[in-house]
């Protein structure tokens, strides 16, 4: 019984006060993912972002626009041009 109603036994046992049950996987912000384990513990993993690339001498490092739900910054090595005026 949960809140006065008959439910599967597994639904009665939760990992946290938010009601996550065994097998649930959820995101805590864009950089952390959590999972409810069979022993009713919560295991969370934080995403490690890669280092920006190292560009060669004829390229410049460009920071790309990061989508709102993305965890890590994105970069690109782009060609640069030298402009001269006459």
C-alpha atoms as a PDB file:
ATOM      1  CA  UNK A   1       0.000   0.000   0.000  1.00  0.00           C
ATOM      2  CA  UNK A   2       1.158   3.486  -0.824  1.00  0.00           C
ATOM      3  CA  UNK A   3      -0.992   6.461   0.044  1.00  0.00           C
ATOM      4  CA  UNK A   4      -3.859   4.046   0.686  1.00  0.00           C
ATOM      5  CA  UNK A   5      -3.681   2.293  -2.683  1.00  0.00           C
ATOM      6  CA  UNK A   6      -2.391  -1.133  -3.681  1.00  0.00           C
ATOM      7  CA  UNK A   7       0.815  -0.856  -5.736  1.00  0.00           C
ATOM      8  CA  UNK A   8       3.662  -3.153  -6.735  1.00  0.00           C
ATOM      9  CA  UNK A   9       6.051  -3.723  -3.827  1.00  0.00           C
ATOM     10  CA  UNK A  10       8.977  -2.219  -5.758  1.00  0.00           C
ATOM     11  CA  UNK A  11       7.176   1.140  -5.950  1.00  0.00           C
ATOM     12  CA  UNK A  12       6.971   1.276  -2.140  1.00  0.00           C
ATOM     13  CA  UNK A  13      10.746   1.141  -1.771  1.00  0.00           C
ATOM     14  CA  UNK A  14      12.425   4.312  -2.979  1.00  0.00           C
ATOM     15  CA  UNK A  15      16.007   5.546  -3.102  1.00  0.00           C
ATOM     16  CA  UNK A  16      15.253   9.105  -2.073  1.00  0.00           C
ATOM     17  CA  UNK A  17      12.562  11.486  -0.918  1.00  0.00           C
ATOM     18  CA  UNK A  18      11.750  12.305  -4.560  1.00  0.00           C
ATOM     19  CA  UNK A  19      10.338   8.795  -5.077  1.00  0.00           C
ATOM     20  CA  UNK A  20      12.942   7.348  -7.451  1.00  0.00           C
ATOM     21  CA  UNK A  21      12.655   3.565  -7.595  1.00  0.00           C
ATOM     22  CA  UNK A  22      15.160   0.834  -8.505  1.00  0.00           C
ATOM     23  CA  UNK A  23      16.295   1.278 -12.114  1.00  0.00           C
ATOM     24  CA  UNK A  24      15.362   4.957 -12.379  1.00  0.00           C
ATOM     25  CA  UNK A  25      17.950   7.168 -14.090  1.00  0.00           C
ATOM     26  CA  UNK A  26      17.644  10.956 -13.971  1.00  0.00           C
ATOM     27  CA  UNK A  27      19.662  14.099 -14.584  1.00  0.00           C
ATOM     28  CA  UNK A  28      20.553  16.594 -11.882  1.00  0.00           C
ATOM     29  CA  UNK A  29      21.296  19.601 -14.046  1.00  0.00           C
ATOM     30  CA  UNK A  30      23.129  19.265 -17.343  1.00  0.00           C
ATOM     31  CA  UNK A  31      26.325  17.740 -15.896  1.00  0.00           C
ATOM     32  CA  UNK A  32      25.194  15.086 -13.411  1.00  0.00           C
ATOM     33  CA  UNK A  33      23.323  11.803 -13.956  1.00  0.00           C
ATOM     34  CA  UNK A  34      21.975   9.687 -11.082  1.00  0.00           C
ATOM     35  CA  UNK A  35      20.679   6.119 -10.826  1.00  0.00           C
ATOM     36  CA  UNK A  36      18.712   4.241  -8.181  1.00  0.00           C
ATOM     37  CA  UNK A  37      20.489   0.936  -7.454  1.00  0.00           C
ATOM     38  CA  UNK A  38      18.948  -2.372  -6.335  1.00  0.00           C
ATOM     39  CA  UNK A  39      20.209  -1.789  -2.785  1.00  0.00           C
ATOM     40  CA  UNK A  40      18.174   1.468  -2.708  1.00  0.00           C
ATOM     41  CA  UNK A  41      21.223   3.719  -2.859  1.00  0.00           C
ATOM     42  CA  UNK A  42      21.627   6.578  -5.280  1.00  0.00           C
ATOM     43  CA  UNK A  43      24.771   6.718  -7.394  1.00  0.00           C
ATOM     44  CA  UNK A  44      25.545   9.932  -9.259  1.00  0.00           C
ATOM     45  CA  UNK A  45      28.217  10.600 -11.869  1.00  0.00           C
ATOM     46  CA  UNK A  46      29.424  14.055 -12.900  1.00  0.00           C
ATOM     47  CA  UNK A  47      30.401  14.552 -16.541  1.00  0.00           C
ATOM     48  CA  UNK A  48      34.047  15.438 -17.050  1.00  0.00           C
ATOM     49  CA  UNK A  49      34.474  17.955 -19.833  1.00  0.00           C
ATOM     50  CA  UNK A  50      37.328  17.550 -22.309  1.00  0.00           C
ATOM     51  CA  UNK A  51      40.073  20.135 -22.608  1.00  0.00           C
ATOM     52  CA  UNK A  52      39.788  22.528 -25.563  1.00  0.00           C
ATOM     53  CA  UNK A  53      41.655  21.321 -28.647  1.00  0.00           C
ATOM     54  CA  UNK A  54      45.143  22.560 -29.417  1.00  0.00           C
ATOM     55  CA  UNK A  55      45.002  24.343 -32.741  1.00  0.00           C
ATOM     56  CA  UNK A  56      47.864  24.449 -35.211  1.00  0.00           C
ATOM     57  CA  UNK A  57      49.639  27.704 -36.032  1.00  0.00           C
ATOM     58  CA  UNK A  58      47.298  28.533 -38.928  1.00  0.00           C
ATOM     59  CA  UNK A  59      44.152  28.141 -36.844  1.00  0.00           C
ATOM     60  CA  UNK A  60      42.496  29.984 -33.994  1.00  0.00           C
ATOM     61  CA  UNK A  61      40.532  28.470 -31.159  1.00  0.00           C
ATOM     62  CA  UNK A  62      36.868  29.431 -31.416  1.00  0.00           C
ATOM     63  CA  UNK A  63      34.406  28.944 -28.582  1.00  0.00           C
ATOM     64  CA  UNK A  64      31.064  27.755 -29.941  1.00  0.00           C
ATOM     65  CA  UNK A  65      27.697  28.799 -28.560  1.00  0.00           C
ATOM     66  CA  UNK A  66      26.695  26.308 -25.900  1.00  0.00           C
ATOM     67  CA  UNK A  67      23.067  25.105 -25.917  1.00  0.00           C
ATOM     68  CA  UNK A  68      21.237  25.766 -22.649  1.00  0.00           C
ATOM     69  CA  UNK A  69      21.073  22.064 -21.720  1.00  0.00           C
ATOM     70  CA  UNK A  70      24.704  21.251 -22.595  1.00  0.00           C
ATOM     71  CA  UNK A  71      27.199  20.508 -19.859  1.00  0.00           C
ATOM     72  CA  UNK A  72      30.519  21.213 -21.529  1.00  0.00           C
ATOM     73  CA  UNK A  73      31.801  24.118 -23.556  1.00  0.00           C
ATOM     74  CA  UNK A  74      32.397  23.363 -27.237  1.00  0.00           C
ATOM     75  CA  UNK A  75      35.377  24.613 -29.222  1.00  0.00           C
ATOM     76  CA  UNK A  76      36.529  24.538 -32.819  1.00  0.00           C
ATOM     77  CA  UNK A  77      39.856  25.207 -34.499  1.00  0.00           C
ATOM     78  CA  UNK A  78      39.138  27.571 -37.379  1.00  0.00           C
ATOM     79  CA  UNK A  79      41.284  29.052 -40.088  1.00  0.00           C
ATOM     80  CA  UNK A  80      42.095  32.702 -39.694  1.00  0.00           C
ATOM     81  CA  UNK A  81      42.668  35.215 -42.429  1.00  0.00           C
ATOM     82  CA  UNK A  82      45.021  38.141 -42.492  1.00  0.00           C
ATOM     83  CA  UNK A  83      43.422  41.159 -44.079  1.00  0.00           C
ATOM     84  CA  UNK A  84      45.484  43.937 -45.577  1.00  0.00           C
ATOM     85  CA  UNK A  85      44.234  47.301 -46.690  1.00  0.00           C
ATOM     86  CA  UNK A  86      45.452  49.009 -49.834  1.00  0.00           C
END
